[in-house]
C-alpha atoms as a PDB file:
ATOM      1  CA  UNK A   1      48.207 137.829 108.268  1.00  0.00           C
ATOM      2  CA  UNK A   2      50.021 141.071 107.433  1.00  0.00           C
ATOM      3  CA  UNK A   3      50.947 141.770 103.861  1.00  0.00           C
ATOM      4  CA  UNK A   4      54.505 142.436 102.808  1.00  0.00           C
ATOM      5  CA  UNK A   5      55.727 146.011 102.561  1.00  0.00           C
ATOM      6  CA  UNK A   6      54.377 147.882  99.568  1.00  0.00           C
ATOM      7  CA  UNK A   7      56.111 150.715  97.812  1.00  0.00           C
ATOM      8  CA  UNK A   8      57.790 152.869  97.096  1.00  0.00           C
ATOM      9  CA  UNK A   9      55.081 155.549  97.302  1.00  0.00           C
ATOM     10  CA  UNK A  10      55.133 159.013  98.858  1.00  0.00           C
ATOM     11  CA  UNK A  11      52.957 160.382 101.654  1.00  0.00           C
ATOM     12  CA  UNK A  12      51.544 163.178  99.513  1.00  0.00           C
ATOM     13  CA  UNK A  13      50.022 160.537  97.235  1.00  0.00           C
ATOM     14  CA  UNK A  14      47.335 160.231  99.919  1.00  0.00           C
ATOM     15  CA  UNK A  15      46.490 163.950 100.109  1.00  0.00           C
ATOM     16  CA  UNK A  16      43.502 165.124  98.053  1.00  0.00           C
ATOM     17  CA  UNK A  17      44.801 168.690  98.192  1.00  0.00           C
ATOM     18  CA  UNK A  18      48.010 170.364  99.429  1.00  0.00           C
ATOM     19  CA  UNK A  19      48.528 171.034 103.118  1.00  0.00           C
ATOM     20  CA  UNK A  20      48.973 174.665 104.164  1.00  0.00           C
ATOM     21  CA  UNK A  21      50.875 176.149 107.112  1.00  0.00           C
ATOM     22  CA  UNK A  22      49.558 179.099 109.116  1.00  0.00           C
ATOM     23  CA  UNK A  23      51.344 181.719 111.181  1.00  0.00           C
ATOM     24  CA  UNK A  24      52.708 180.313 114.447  1.00  0.00           C
ATOM     25  CA  UNK A  25      52.099 181.095 118.069  1.00  0.00           C
ATOM     26  CA  UNK A  26      55.381 181.711 119.915  1.00  0.00           C
ATOM     27  CA  UNK A  27      55.960 180.889 123.574  1.00  0.00           C
ATOM     28  CA  UNK A  28      59.380 180.904 125.212  1.00  0.00           C
ATOM     29  CA  UNK A  29      61.877 179.123 122.953  1.00  0.00           C
ATOM     30  CA  UNK A  30      59.171 177.383 120.890  1.00  0.00           C
ATOM     31  CA  UNK A  31      56.941 178.264 117.961  1.00  0.00           C
ATOM     32  CA  UNK A  32      53.990 176.070 116.957  1.00  0.00           C
ATOM     33  CA  UNK A  33      52.621 176.390 113.418  1.00  0.00           C
ATOM     34  CA  UNK A  34      49.079 175.215 112.578  1.00  0.00           C
ATOM     35  CA  UNK A  35      48.488 172.951 109.574  1.00  0.00           C
ATOM     36  CA  UNK A  36      45.306 172.924 107.481  1.00  0.00           C
ATOM     37  CA  UNK A  37      44.122 170.467 104.832  1.00  0.00           C
ATOM     38  CA  UNK A  38      41.234 168.958 102.906  1.00  0.00           C
ATOM     39  CA  UNK A  39      37.913 167.980 104.531  1.00  0.00           C
ATOM     40  CA  UNK A  40      38.157 164.435 105.936  1.00  0.00           C
ATOM     41  CA  UNK A  41      36.491 161.341 104.511  1.00  0.00           C
ATOM     42  CA  UNK A  42      37.005 158.735 107.255  1.00  0.00           C
ATOM     43  CA  UNK A  43      34.824 159.136 110.368  1.00  0.00           C
ATOM     44  CA  UNK A  44      36.473 158.349 113.729  1.00  0.00           C
ATOM     45  CA  UNK A  45      36.923 159.912 117.156  1.00  0.00           C
ATOM     46  CA  UNK A  46      39.789 160.509 119.580  1.00  0.00           C
ATOM     47  CA  UNK A  47      40.627 158.279 122.525  1.00  0.00           C
ATOM     48  CA  UNK A  48      39.802 161.136 124.930  1.00  0.00           C
ATOM     49  CA  UNK A  49      36.287 161.483 123.500  1.00  0.00           C
ATOM     50  CA  UNK A  50      35.778 157.716 123.256  1.00  0.00           C
ATOM     51  CA  UNK A  51      36.726 157.276 126.911  1.00  0.00           C
ATOM     52  CA  UNK A  52      33.256 158.543 127.898  1.00  0.00           C
ATOM     53  CA  UNK A  53      31.489 156.530 125.173  1.00  0.00           C
ATOM     54  CA  UNK A  54      32.150 152.915 126.062  1.00  0.00           C
ATOM     55  CA  UNK A  55      35.824 152.641 125.038  1.00  0.00           C
ATOM     56  CA  UNK A  56      38.020 150.870 127.598  1.00  0.00           C
ATOM     57  CA  UNK A  57      41.754 150.180 127.996  1.00  0.00           C
ATOM     58  CA  UNK A  58      42.796 147.440 130.412  1.00  0.00           C
ATOM     59  CA  UNK A  59      45.573 145.036 131.307  1.00  0.00           C
ATOM     60  CA  UNK A  60      45.489 141.686 129.519  1.00  0.00           C
ATOM     61  CA  UNK A  61      42.910 139.515 131.329  1.00  0.00           C
ATOM     62  CA  UNK A  62      45.030 136.357 131.401  1.00  0.00           C
ATOM     63  CA  UNK A  63      47.999 138.112 133.006  1.00  0.00           C
ATOM     64  CA  UNK A  64      49.326 141.637 132.602  1.00  0.00           C
ATOM     65  CA  UNK A  65      52.125 142.391 130.126  1.00  0.00           C
ATOM     66  CA  UNK A  66      54.398 145.414 130.261  1.00  0.00           C
ATOM     67  CA  UNK A  67      54.322 145.626 126.451  1.00  0.00           C
ATOM     68  CA  UNK A  68      50.612 145.071 125.663  1.00  0.00           C
ATOM     69  CA  UNK A  69      47.184 146.362 126.641  1.00  0.00           C
ATOM     70  CA  UNK A  70      43.649 145.297 125.735  1.00  0.00           C
ATOM     71  CA  UNK A  71      41.332 147.860 124.123  1.00  0.00           C
ATOM     72  CA  UNK A  72      37.592 147.402 123.631  1.00  0.00           C
ATOM     73  CA  UNK A  73      35.595 149.745 121.416  1.00  0.00           C
ATOM     74  CA  UNK A  74      31.909 149.437 122.245  1.00  0.00           C
ATOM     75  CA  UNK A  75      31.114 152.931 121.000  1.00  0.00           C
ATOM     76  CA  UNK A  76      29.541 154.099 117.758  1.00  0.00           C
ATOM     77  CA  UNK A  77      32.697 154.911 115.744  1.00  0.00           C
ATOM     78  CA  UNK A  78      36.299 153.787 115.194  1.00  0.00           C
ATOM     79  CA  UNK A  79      38.760 155.270 117.709  1.00  0.00           C
ATOM     80  CA  UNK A  80      42.201 156.671 116.909  1.00  0.00           C
ATOM     81  CA  UNK A  81      44.951 155.779 119.367  1.00  0.00           C
ATOM     82  CA  UNK A  82      47.656 158.343 118.598  1.00  0.00           C
ATOM     83  CA  UNK A  83      51.301 157.284 118.848  1.00  0.00           C
ATOM     84  CA  UNK A  84      52.771 158.792 122.021  1.00  0.00           C
ATOM     85  CA  UNK A  85      49.495 159.283 123.890  1.00  0.00           C
ATOM     86  CA  UNK A  86      49.898 158.234 127.521  1.00  0.00           C
ATOM     87  CA  UNK A  87      47.364 156.341 129.641  1.00  0.00           C
ATOM     88  CA  UNK A  88      47.426 156.303 133.432  1.00  0.00           C
ATOM     89  CA  UNK A  89      46.438 153.727 136.022  1.00  0.00           C
ATOM     90  CA  UNK A  90      46.128 149.948 136.396  1.00  0.00           C
ATOM     91  CA  UNK A  91      49.475 148.245 137.079  1.00  0.00           C
ATOM     92  CA  UNK A  92      51.683 150.950 135.513  1.00  0.00           C
ATOM     93  CA  UNK A  93      51.410 153.894 133.104  1.00  0.00           C
ATOM     94  CA  UNK A  94      52.001 153.262 129.370  1.00  0.00           C
ATOM     95  CA  UNK A  95      52.314 155.056 126.016  1.00  0.00           C
ATOM     96  CA  UNK A  96      51.198 153.687 122.644  1.00  0.00           C
ATOM     97  CA  UNK A  97      54.029 152.536 120.374  1.00  0.00           C
ATOM     98  CA  UNK A  98      52.089 153.118 117.162  1.00  0.00           C
ATOM     99  CA  UNK A  99      48.929 154.842 115.940  1.00  0.00           C
ATOM    100  CA  UNK A 100      45.972 152.484 115.604  1.00  0.00           C
ATOM    101  CA  UNK A 101      42.467 152.977 114.241  1.00  0.00           C
ATOM    102  CA  UNK A 102      40.433 150.675 116.487  1.00  0.00           C
ATOM    103  CA  UNK A 103      37.276 149.274 114.858  1.00  0.00           C
ATOM    104  CA  UNK A 104      33.958 148.876 116.643  1.00  0.00           C
ATOM    105  CA  UNK A 105      33.547 145.335 117.924  1.00  0.00           C
ATOM    106  CA  UNK A 106      35.965 142.701 119.187  1.00  0.00           C
ATOM    107  CA  UNK A 107      38.620 143.575 121.817  1.00  0.00           C
ATOM    108  CA  UNK A 108      42.197 143.734 120.524  1.00  0.00           C
ATOM    109  CA  UNK A 109      45.721 143.811 121.924  1.00  0.00           C
ATOM    110  CA  UNK A 110      47.822 146.912 121.214  1.00  0.00           C
ATOM    111  CA  UNK A 111      51.611 147.436 121.680  1.00  0.00           C
ATOM    112  CA  UNK A 112      52.702 149.909 124.344  1.00  0.00           C
ATOM    113  CA  UNK A 113      55.768 150.983 126.290  1.00  0.00           C
ATOM    114  CA  UNK A 114      55.903 151.447 130.048  1.00  0.00           C
ATOM    115  CA  UNK A 115      56.772 154.962 131.252  1.00  0.00           C
ATOM    116  CA  UNK A 116      56.715 154.111 134.973  1.00  0.00           C
ATOM    117  CA  UNK A 117      59.526 151.679 135.670  1.00  0.00           C
ATOM    118  CA  UNK A 118      59.132 151.387 139.443  1.00  0.00           C
ATOM    119  CA  UNK A 119      55.472 150.374 139.756  1.00  0.00           C
ATOM    120  CA  UNK A 120      53.835 147.025 138.976  1.00  0.00           C
ATOM    121  CA  UNK A 121      50.735 147.040 141.187  1.00  0.00           C
ATOM    122  CA  UNK A 122      48.883 143.759 140.764  1.00  0.00           C
ATOM    123  CA  UNK A 123      46.134 144.901 143.130  1.00  0.00           C
ATOM    124  CA  UNK A 124      45.028 147.344 140.406  1.00  0.00           C
ATOM    125  CA  UNK A 125      44.947 144.761 137.610  1.00  0.00           C
ATOM    126  CA  UNK A 126      41.210 145.122 136.900  1.00  0.00           C
ATOM    127  CA  UNK A 127      41.304 148.925 136.801  1.00  0.00           C
ATOM    128  CA  UNK A 128      40.631 150.768 133.537  1.00  0.00           C
ATOM    129  CA  UNK A 129      43.234 153.212 132.242  1.00  0.00           C
ATOM    130  CA  UNK A 130      42.408 156.889 131.761  1.00  0.00           C
ATOM    131  CA  UNK A 131      43.914 159.341 129.249  1.00  0.00           C
ATOM    132  CA  UNK A 132      46.759 161.507 130.543  1.00  0.00           C
ATOM    133  CA  UNK A 133      46.552 165.304 130.089  1.00  0.00           C
ATOM    134  CA  UNK A 134      49.771 165.139 128.071  1.00  0.00           C
ATOM    135  CA  UNK A 135      51.431 163.100 125.346  1.00  0.00           C
ATOM    136  CA  UNK A 136      55.022 161.903 125.525  1.00  0.00           C
ATOM    137  CA  UNK A 137      57.542 164.590 124.574  1.00  0.00           C
ATOM    138  CA  UNK A 138      58.926 164.613 120.992  1.00  0.00           C
ATOM    139  CA  UNK A 139      62.435 163.580 122.059  1.00  0.00           C
ATOM    140  CA  UNK A 140      61.067 160.325 123.492  1.00  0.00           C
ATOM    141  CA  UNK A 141      58.600 159.830 120.652  1.00  0.00           C
ATOM    142  CA  UNK A 142      61.396 160.229 118.098  1.00  0.00           C
ATOM    143  CA  UNK A 143      63.461 157.501 119.733  1.00  0.00           C
ATOM    144  CA  UNK A 144      60.430 155.202 119.939  1.00  0.00           C
ATOM    145  CA  UNK A 145      59.651 155.855 116.256  1.00  0.00           C
ATOM    146  CA  UNK A 146      63.225 155.012 115.269  1.00  0.00           C
ATOM    147  CA  UNK A 147      63.186 151.761 117.219  1.00  0.00           C
ATOM    148  CA  UNK A 148      59.736 150.733 115.958  1.00  0.00           C
ATOM    149  CA  UNK A 149      60.693 151.487 112.357  1.00  0.00           C
ATOM    150  CA  UNK A 150      63.831 149.347 112.519  1.00  0.00           C
ATOM    151  CA  UNK A 151      61.926 146.521 114.194  1.00  0.00           C
ATOM    152  CA  UNK A 152      59.269 146.659 111.465  1.00  0.00           C
ATOM    153  CA  UNK A 153      61.799 146.677 108.619  1.00  0.00           C
ATOM    154  CA  UNK A 154      63.515 143.677 110.213  1.00  0.00           C
ATOM    155  CA  UNK A 155      60.235 141.776 109.991  1.00  0.00           C
ATOM    156  CA  UNK A 156      59.069 142.218 113.575  1.00  0.00           C
ATOM    157  CA  UNK A 157      56.314 144.236 115.203  1.00  0.00           C
ATOM    158  CA  UNK A 158      56.453 148.037 115.365  1.00  0.00           C
ATOM    159  CA  UNK A 159      57.677 148.209 118.961  1.00  0.00           C
ATOM    160  CA  UNK A 160      60.057 150.435 120.868  1.00  0.00           C
ATOM    161  CA  UNK A 161      62.952 149.222 123.039  1.00  0.00           C
ATOM    162  CA  UNK A 162      61.566 149.174 126.581  1.00  0.00           C
ATOM    163  CA  UNK A 163      64.947 149.567 128.274  1.00  0.00           C
ATOM    164  CA  UNK A 164      65.736 152.636 126.192  1.00  0.00           C
ATOM    165  CA  UNK A 165      62.332 154.152 126.984  1.00  0.00           C
ATOM    166  CA  UNK A 166      62.946 153.758 130.726  1.00  0.00           C
ATOM    167  CA  UNK A 167      66.412 155.259 130.322  1.00  0.00           C
ATOM    168  CA  UNK A 168      65.054 158.309 128.493  1.00  0.00           C
ATOM    169  CA  UNK A 169      62.340 158.867 131.126  1.00  0.00           C
ATOM    170  CA  UNK A 170      65.035 158.727 133.825  1.00  0.00           C
ATOM    171  CA  UNK A 171      67.211 161.177 131.879  1.00  0.00           C
ATOM    172  CA  UNK A 172      64.330 163.631 131.497  1.00  0.00           C
ATOM    173  CA  UNK A 173      63.560 163.377 135.220  1.00  0.00           C
ATOM    174  CA  UNK A 174      67.204 164.127 136.030  1.00  0.00           C
ATOM    175  CA  UNK A 175      67.425 167.029 133.572  1.00  0.00           C
ATOM    176  CA  UNK A 176      64.452 168.721 135.251  1.00  0.00           C
ATOM    177  CA  UNK A 177      65.474 167.760 138.819  1.00  0.00           C
ATOM    178  CA  UNK A 178      62.404 165.598 139.395  1.00  0.00           C
ATOM    179  CA  UNK A 179      62.550 162.751 141.901  1.00  0.00           C
ATOM    180  CA  UNK A 180      59.838 160.198 141.123  1.00  0.00           C
ATOM    181  CA  UNK A 181      59.605 157.204 143.455  1.00  0.00           C
ATOM    182  CA  UNK A 182      58.268 155.047 140.597  1.00  0.00           C
ATOM    183  CA  UNK A 183      60.293 156.514 137.718  1.00  0.00           C
ATOM    184  CA  UNK A 184      57.077 157.954 136.288  1.00  0.00           C
ATOM    185  CA  UNK A 185      56.962 160.230 133.256  1.00  0.00           C
ATOM    186  CA  UNK A 186      53.636 161.509 134.572  1.00  0.00           C
ATOM    187  CA  UNK A 187      55.430 162.684 137.737  1.00  0.00           C
ATOM    188  CA  UNK A 188      57.792 164.745 135.563  1.00  0.00           C
ATOM    189  CA  UNK A 189      54.830 166.481 133.943  1.00  0.00           C
ATOM    190  CA  UNK A 190      52.973 166.990 137.223  1.00  0.00           C
ATOM    191  CA  UNK A 191      56.027 168.451 138.945  1.00  0.00           C
ATOM    192  CA  UNK A 192      56.443 171.002 136.162  1.00  0.00           C
ATOM    193  CA  UNK A 193      52.758 171.525 135.299  1.00  0.00           C
ATOM    194  CA  UNK A 194      52.838 175.202 136.212  1.00  0.00           C
ATOM    195  CA  UNK A 195      55.777 175.870 133.879  1.00  0.00           C
ATOM    196  CA  UNK A 196      54.175 173.773 131.162  1.00  0.00           C
ATOM    197  CA  UNK A 197      50.833 175.553 131.451  1.00  0.00           C
ATOM    198  CA  UNK A 198      52.602 178.906 131.177  1.00  0.00           C
ATOM    199  CA  UNK A 199      54.123 177.787 127.876  1.00  0.00           C
ATOM    200  CA  UNK A 200      51.030 176.044 126.484  1.00  0.00           C
ATOM    201  CA  UNK A 201      48.587 178.852 127.302  1.00  0.00           C
ATOM    202  CA  UNK A 202      50.110 180.940 124.524  1.00  0.00           C
ATOM    203  CA  UNK A 203      49.642 178.183 121.915  1.00  0.00           C
ATOM    204  CA  UNK A 204      46.096 178.381 120.587  1.00  0.00           C
ATOM    205  CA  UNK A 205      44.051 175.915 118.555  1.00  0.00           C
ATOM    206  CA  UNK A 206      42.950 177.415 115.231  1.00  0.00           C
ATOM    207  CA  UNK A 207      39.611 176.755 113.547  1.00  0.00           C
ATOM    208  CA  UNK A 208      39.945 173.872 111.090  1.00  0.00           C
ATOM    209  CA  UNK A 209      43.458 172.962 112.287  1.00  0.00           C
ATOM    210  CA  UNK A 210      44.495 169.353 111.611  1.00  0.00           C
ATOM    211  CA  UNK A 211      48.146 169.410 112.644  1.00  0.00           C
ATOM    212  CA  UNK A 212      51.088 171.279 114.105  1.00  0.00           C
ATOM    213  CA  UNK A 213      54.777 171.853 113.396  1.00  0.00           C
ATOM    214  CA  UNK A 214      57.091 172.403 116.371  1.00  0.00           C
ATOM    215  CA  UNK A 215      60.115 174.712 116.219  1.00  0.00           C
ATOM    216  CA  UNK A 216      62.453 175.175 119.187  1.00  0.00           C
ATOM    217  CA  UNK A 217      65.037 177.915 118.836  1.00  0.00           C
ATOM    218  CA  UNK A 218      65.945 177.965 115.144  1.00  0.00           C
ATOM    219  CA  UNK A 219      65.306 174.239 114.557  1.00  0.00           C
ATOM    220  CA  UNK A 220      62.110 172.573 113.376  1.00  0.00           C
ATOM    221  CA  UNK A 221      61.709 169.511 115.591  1.00  0.00           C
ATOM    222  CA  UNK A 222      58.495 167.662 114.764  1.00  0.00           C
ATOM    223  CA  UNK A 223      55.201 167.532 112.893  1.00  0.00           C
ATOM    224  CA  UNK A 224      51.961 165.877 114.012  1.00  0.00           C
ATOM    225  CA  UNK A 225      48.852 165.573 111.886  1.00  0.00           C
ATOM    226  CA  UNK A 226      45.483 163.830 111.719  1.00  0.00           C
ATOM    227  CA  UNK A 227      42.801 164.068 109.039  1.00  0.00           C
ATOM    228  CA  UNK A 228      39.955 165.359 111.237  1.00  0.00           C
ATOM    229  CA  UNK A 229      39.908 168.835 112.883  1.00  0.00           C
ATOM    230  CA  UNK A 230      37.662 167.597 115.734  1.00  0.00           C
ATOM    231  CA  UNK A 231      40.120 164.825 116.578  1.00  0.00           C
ATOM    232  CA  UNK A 232      43.109 167.169 116.417  1.00  0.00           C
ATOM    233  CA  UNK A 233      41.248 169.558 118.717  1.00  0.00           C
ATOM    234  CA  UNK A 234      41.207 166.797 121.362  1.00  0.00           C
ATOM    235  CA  UNK A 235      44.904 166.043 120.789  1.00  0.00           C
ATOM    236  CA  UNK A 236      46.082 169.646 120.668  1.00  0.00           C
ATOM    237  CA  UNK A 237      46.639 170.337 124.367  1.00  0.00           C
ATOM    238  CA  UNK A 238      48.274 166.956 125.195  1.00  0.00           C
ATOM    239  CA  UNK A 239      50.637 167.300 122.223  1.00  0.00           C
ATOM    240  CA  UNK A 240      51.543 170.895 123.117  1.00  0.00           C
ATOM    241  CA  UNK A 241      52.193 169.819 126.719  1.00  0.00           C
ATOM    242  CA  UNK A 242      54.702 167.332 125.281  1.00  0.00           C
ATOM    243  CA  UNK A 243      56.227 170.025 123.052  1.00  0.00           C
ATOM    244  CA  UNK A 244      56.561 172.265 126.106  1.00  0.00           C
ATOM    245  CA  UNK A 245      58.445 169.615 128.084  1.00  0.00           C
ATOM    246  CA  UNK A 246      61.116 169.605 125.370  1.00  0.00           C
ATOM    247  CA  UNK A 247      61.045 173.420 125.359  1.00  0.00           C
ATOM    248  CA  UNK A 248      61.705 173.479 129.121  1.00  0.00           C
ATOM    249  CA  UNK A 249      64.983 171.606 128.734  1.00  0.00           C
ATOM    250  CA  UNK A 250      65.942 173.997 125.906  1.00  0.00           C
ATOM    251  CA  UNK A 251      64.983 177.189 127.746  1.00  0.00           C
ATOM    252  CA  UNK A 252      68.501 178.552 127.227  1.00  0.00           C
ATOM    253  CA  UNK A 253      67.923 178.737 123.480  1.00  0.00           C
ATOM    254  CA  UNK A 254      66.952 182.014 121.887  1.00  0.00           C
ATOM    255  CA  UNK A 255      63.232 182.706 121.655  1.00  0.00           C
ATOM    256  CA  UNK A 256      61.936 181.133 118.469  1.00  0.00           C
ATOM    257  CA  UNK A 257      61.528 183.532 115.564  1.00  0.00           C
ATOM    258  CA  UNK A 258      58.654 182.731 113.241  1.00  0.00           C
ATOM    259  CA  UNK A 259      59.806 181.417 109.863  1.00  0.00           C
ATOM    260  CA  UNK A 260      56.905 180.067 107.817  1.00  0.00           C
ATOM    261  CA  UNK A 261      59.181 179.197 104.909  1.00  0.00           C
ATOM    262  CA  UNK A 262      61.285 176.996 107.198  1.00  0.00           C
ATOM    263  CA  UNK A 263      58.171 175.213 108.477  1.00  0.00           C
ATOM    264  CA  UNK A 264      56.730 174.776 104.973  1.00  0.00           C
ATOM    265  CA  UNK A 265      59.982 173.388 103.618  1.00  0.00           C
ATOM    266  CA  UNK A 266      60.124 170.924 106.481  1.00  0.00           C
ATOM    267  CA  UNK A 267      56.555 169.799 105.806  1.00  0.00           C
ATOM    268  CA  UNK A 268      57.377 169.403 102.094  1.00  0.00           C
ATOM    269  CA  UNK A 269      60.381 167.252 102.969  1.00  0.00           C
ATOM    270  CA  UNK A 270      58.196 165.027 105.168  1.00  0.00           C
ATOM    271  CA  UNK A 271      55.251 164.448 102.830  1.00  0.00           C
ATOM    272  CA  UNK A 272      57.560 163.915  99.869  1.00  0.00           C
ATOM    273  CA  UNK A 273      59.114 160.904 101.615  1.00  0.00           C
ATOM    274  CA  UNK A 274      58.840 157.426 100.182  1.00  0.00           C
ATOM    275  CA  UNK A 275      57.198 155.139 102.700  1.00  0.00           C
ATOM    276  CA  UNK A 276      56.924 151.445 103.434  1.00  0.00           C
ATOM    277  CA  UNK A 277      53.359 150.289 104.090  1.00  0.00           C
ATOM    278  CA  UNK A 278      52.001 147.218 105.804  1.00  0.00           C
ATOM    279  CA  UNK A 279      48.627 146.219 107.226  1.00  0.00           C
ATOM    280  CA  UNK A 280      47.927 147.955 110.523  1.00  0.00           C
ATOM    281  CA  UNK A 281      46.815 146.322 113.741  1.00  0.00           C
ATOM    282  CA  UNK A 282      43.293 147.709 113.397  1.00  0.00           C
ATOM    283  CA  UNK A 283      41.785 149.476 110.411  1.00  0.00           C
ATOM    284  CA  UNK A 284      44.040 150.782 107.681  1.00  0.00           C
ATOM    285  CA  UNK A 285      47.738 150.448 106.887  1.00  0.00           C
ATOM    286  CA  UNK A 286      50.721 151.390 109.021  1.00  0.00           C
ATOM    287  CA  UNK A 287      53.671 153.142 107.318  1.00  0.00           C
ATOM    288  CA  UNK A 288      57.249 153.955 108.325  1.00  0.00           C
ATOM    289  CA  UNK A 289      60.180 155.931 106.964  1.00  0.00           C
ATOM    290  CA  UNK A 290      63.683 156.722 108.178  1.00  0.00           C
ATOM    291  CA  UNK A 291      66.482 158.835 106.739  1.00  0.00           C
ATOM    292  CA  UNK A 292      69.690 160.210 108.288  1.00  0.00           C
ATOM    293  CA  UNK A 293      67.851 163.488 109.019  1.00  0.00           C
ATOM    294  CA  UNK A 294      64.251 162.353 109.485  1.00  0.00           C
ATOM    295  CA  UNK A 295      62.199 159.550 111.035  1.00  0.00           C
ATOM    296  CA  UNK A 296      58.440 159.120 111.062  1.00  0.00           C
ATOM    297  CA  UNK A 297      55.352 156.967 110.905  1.00  0.00           C
ATOM    298  CA  UNK A 298      51.669 157.168 110.197  1.00  0.00           C
ATOM    299  CA  UNK A 299      48.421 155.536 109.239  1.00  0.00           C
ATOM    300  CA  UNK A 300      46.441 155.315 105.993  1.00  0.00           C
ATOM    301  CA  UNK A 301      42.850 154.120 105.606  1.00  0.00           C
ATOM    302  CA  UNK A 302      41.562 153.550 102.092  1.00  0.00           C
ATOM    303  CA  UNK A 303      43.336 156.259 100.120  1.00  0.00           C
ATOM    304  CA  UNK A 304      43.317 158.838 102.921  1.00  0.00           C
ATOM    305  CA  UNK A 305      46.167 159.917 105.192  1.00  0.00           C
ATOM    306  CA  UNK A 306      44.716 159.498 108.685  1.00  0.00           C
ATOM    307  CA  UNK A 307      47.736 160.238 110.879  1.00  0.00           C
ATOM    308  CA  UNK A 308      51.348 161.373 110.498  1.00  0.00           C
ATOM    309  CA  UNK A 309      54.169 162.115 112.930  1.00  0.00           C
ATOM    310  CA  UNK A 310      57.764 162.907 111.972  1.00  0.00           C
ATOM    311  CA  UNK A 311      60.862 164.089 113.818  1.00  0.00           C
ATOM    312  CA  UNK A 312      64.181 165.574 112.774  1.00  0.00           C
ATOM    313  CA  UNK A 313      67.344 163.564 113.453  1.00  0.00           C
ATOM    314  CA  UNK A 314      69.691 166.502 114.008  1.00  0.00           C
ATOM    315  CA  UNK A 315      72.011 164.441 116.232  1.00  0.00           C
ATOM    316  CA  UNK A 316      73.085 162.143 113.382  1.00  0.00           C
ATOM    317  CA  UNK A 317      75.340 162.856 110.448  1.00  0.00           C
ATOM    318  CA  UNK A 318      77.876 165.594 109.804  1.00  0.00           C
ATOM    319  CA  UNK A 319      78.005 168.634 107.586  1.00  0.00           C
ATOM    320  CA  UNK A 320      81.720 168.121 107.019  1.00  0.00           C
ATOM    321  CA  UNK A 321      82.850 170.627 109.626  1.00  0.00           C
ATOM    322  CA  UNK A 322      81.713 168.627 112.636  1.00  0.00           C
ATOM    323  CA  UNK A 323      78.328 170.342 112.753  1.00  0.00           C
ATOM    324  CA  UNK A 324      75.285 168.075 112.852  1.00  0.00           C
ATOM    325  CA  UNK A 325      73.114 167.817 109.790  1.00  0.00           C
ATOM    326  CA  UNK A 326      69.618 169.275 110.273  1.00  0.00           C
ATOM    327  CA  UNK A 327      67.246 168.970 107.329  1.00  0.00           C
ATOM    328  CA  UNK A 328      64.911 171.470 108.991  1.00  0.00           C
ATOM    329  CA  UNK A 329      67.418 174.274 108.407  1.00  0.00           C
ATOM    330  CA  UNK A 330      67.755 173.631 104.680  1.00  0.00           C
ATOM    331  CA  UNK A 331      66.034 176.342 102.650  1.00  0.00           C
ATOM    332  CA  UNK A 332      64.621 175.254  99.283  1.00  0.00           C
ATOM    333  CA  UNK A 333      61.730 176.461  97.118  1.00  0.00           C
ATOM    334  CA  UNK A 334      58.348 175.473  98.548  1.00  0.00           C
ATOM    335  CA  UNK A 335      55.680 173.959  96.336  1.00  0.00           C
ATOM    336  CA  UNK A 336      53.132 176.314  97.936  1.00  0.00           C
ATOM    337  CA  UNK A 337      54.979 179.466  96.860  1.00  0.00           C
ATOM    338  CA  UNK A 338      55.500 179.023  93.149  1.00  0.00           C
END
């Protein structure tokens, strides 16, 4: 049984040394800053790597569920399912609602959201899912994180609102003039893959990188982080594909100008957040936080930060003159530049 929320405690309590932000790569309206940190303690691998090492994702054997999948880890190491990763196939495509560190051994159910509203193909029930070449875009992931956080605080599971997810996929399809017969998020990516590749090709993985901060125009939008550089290397391209999908719908914004201080201040504001912890579905402890200007989640194992994702809530609140509040534009002294 899950424990009650613990806290308050801040995210940086689980960092053995400060995180550092490198110079960004800029492509179109977006800049992506690399994050570096301490050597990892926990050993685990990515879903993409595990897929060829005995890790399977399938529909529930007793009858498929839109909101749940069955994962089986028969490989040598725990596997990280990263919030927002998409899997393709079986009865319909899904994304993970929360990050989970899957232990070796017994199969387990994991919460997901459907991102293909118009397909429910029972003839493919026994098919295994495969990793998509992209993760869900930050705009969708932010909304899912907000919904899951509020569900968790209310005493329920960390799940997104399925109707809202379908609505956001439909909105993104419309905004990019994509007509998908099954309402598939994957179809949106595939129809714009050339544009996405043009944007992502300029965003390079750095040696030792464990995370990334996304800026579009003059706003910092999101941060994603894991503890292991090898795992982030597997996540890098799918995450940047997702970043690029948001950049495509903001192509009218001015080309992003690099501002390391802005990115560092944003990262400081994230890791200084007080969090609410509770036992995770697999190994470790799930945590959540939400403020008027920021929402996020992550995973802790032992005393190590394993995974973190956070998103700015620039569409909520007011600066007093009708302008939206955006914490990512606030300039304050950074702890790394004293």
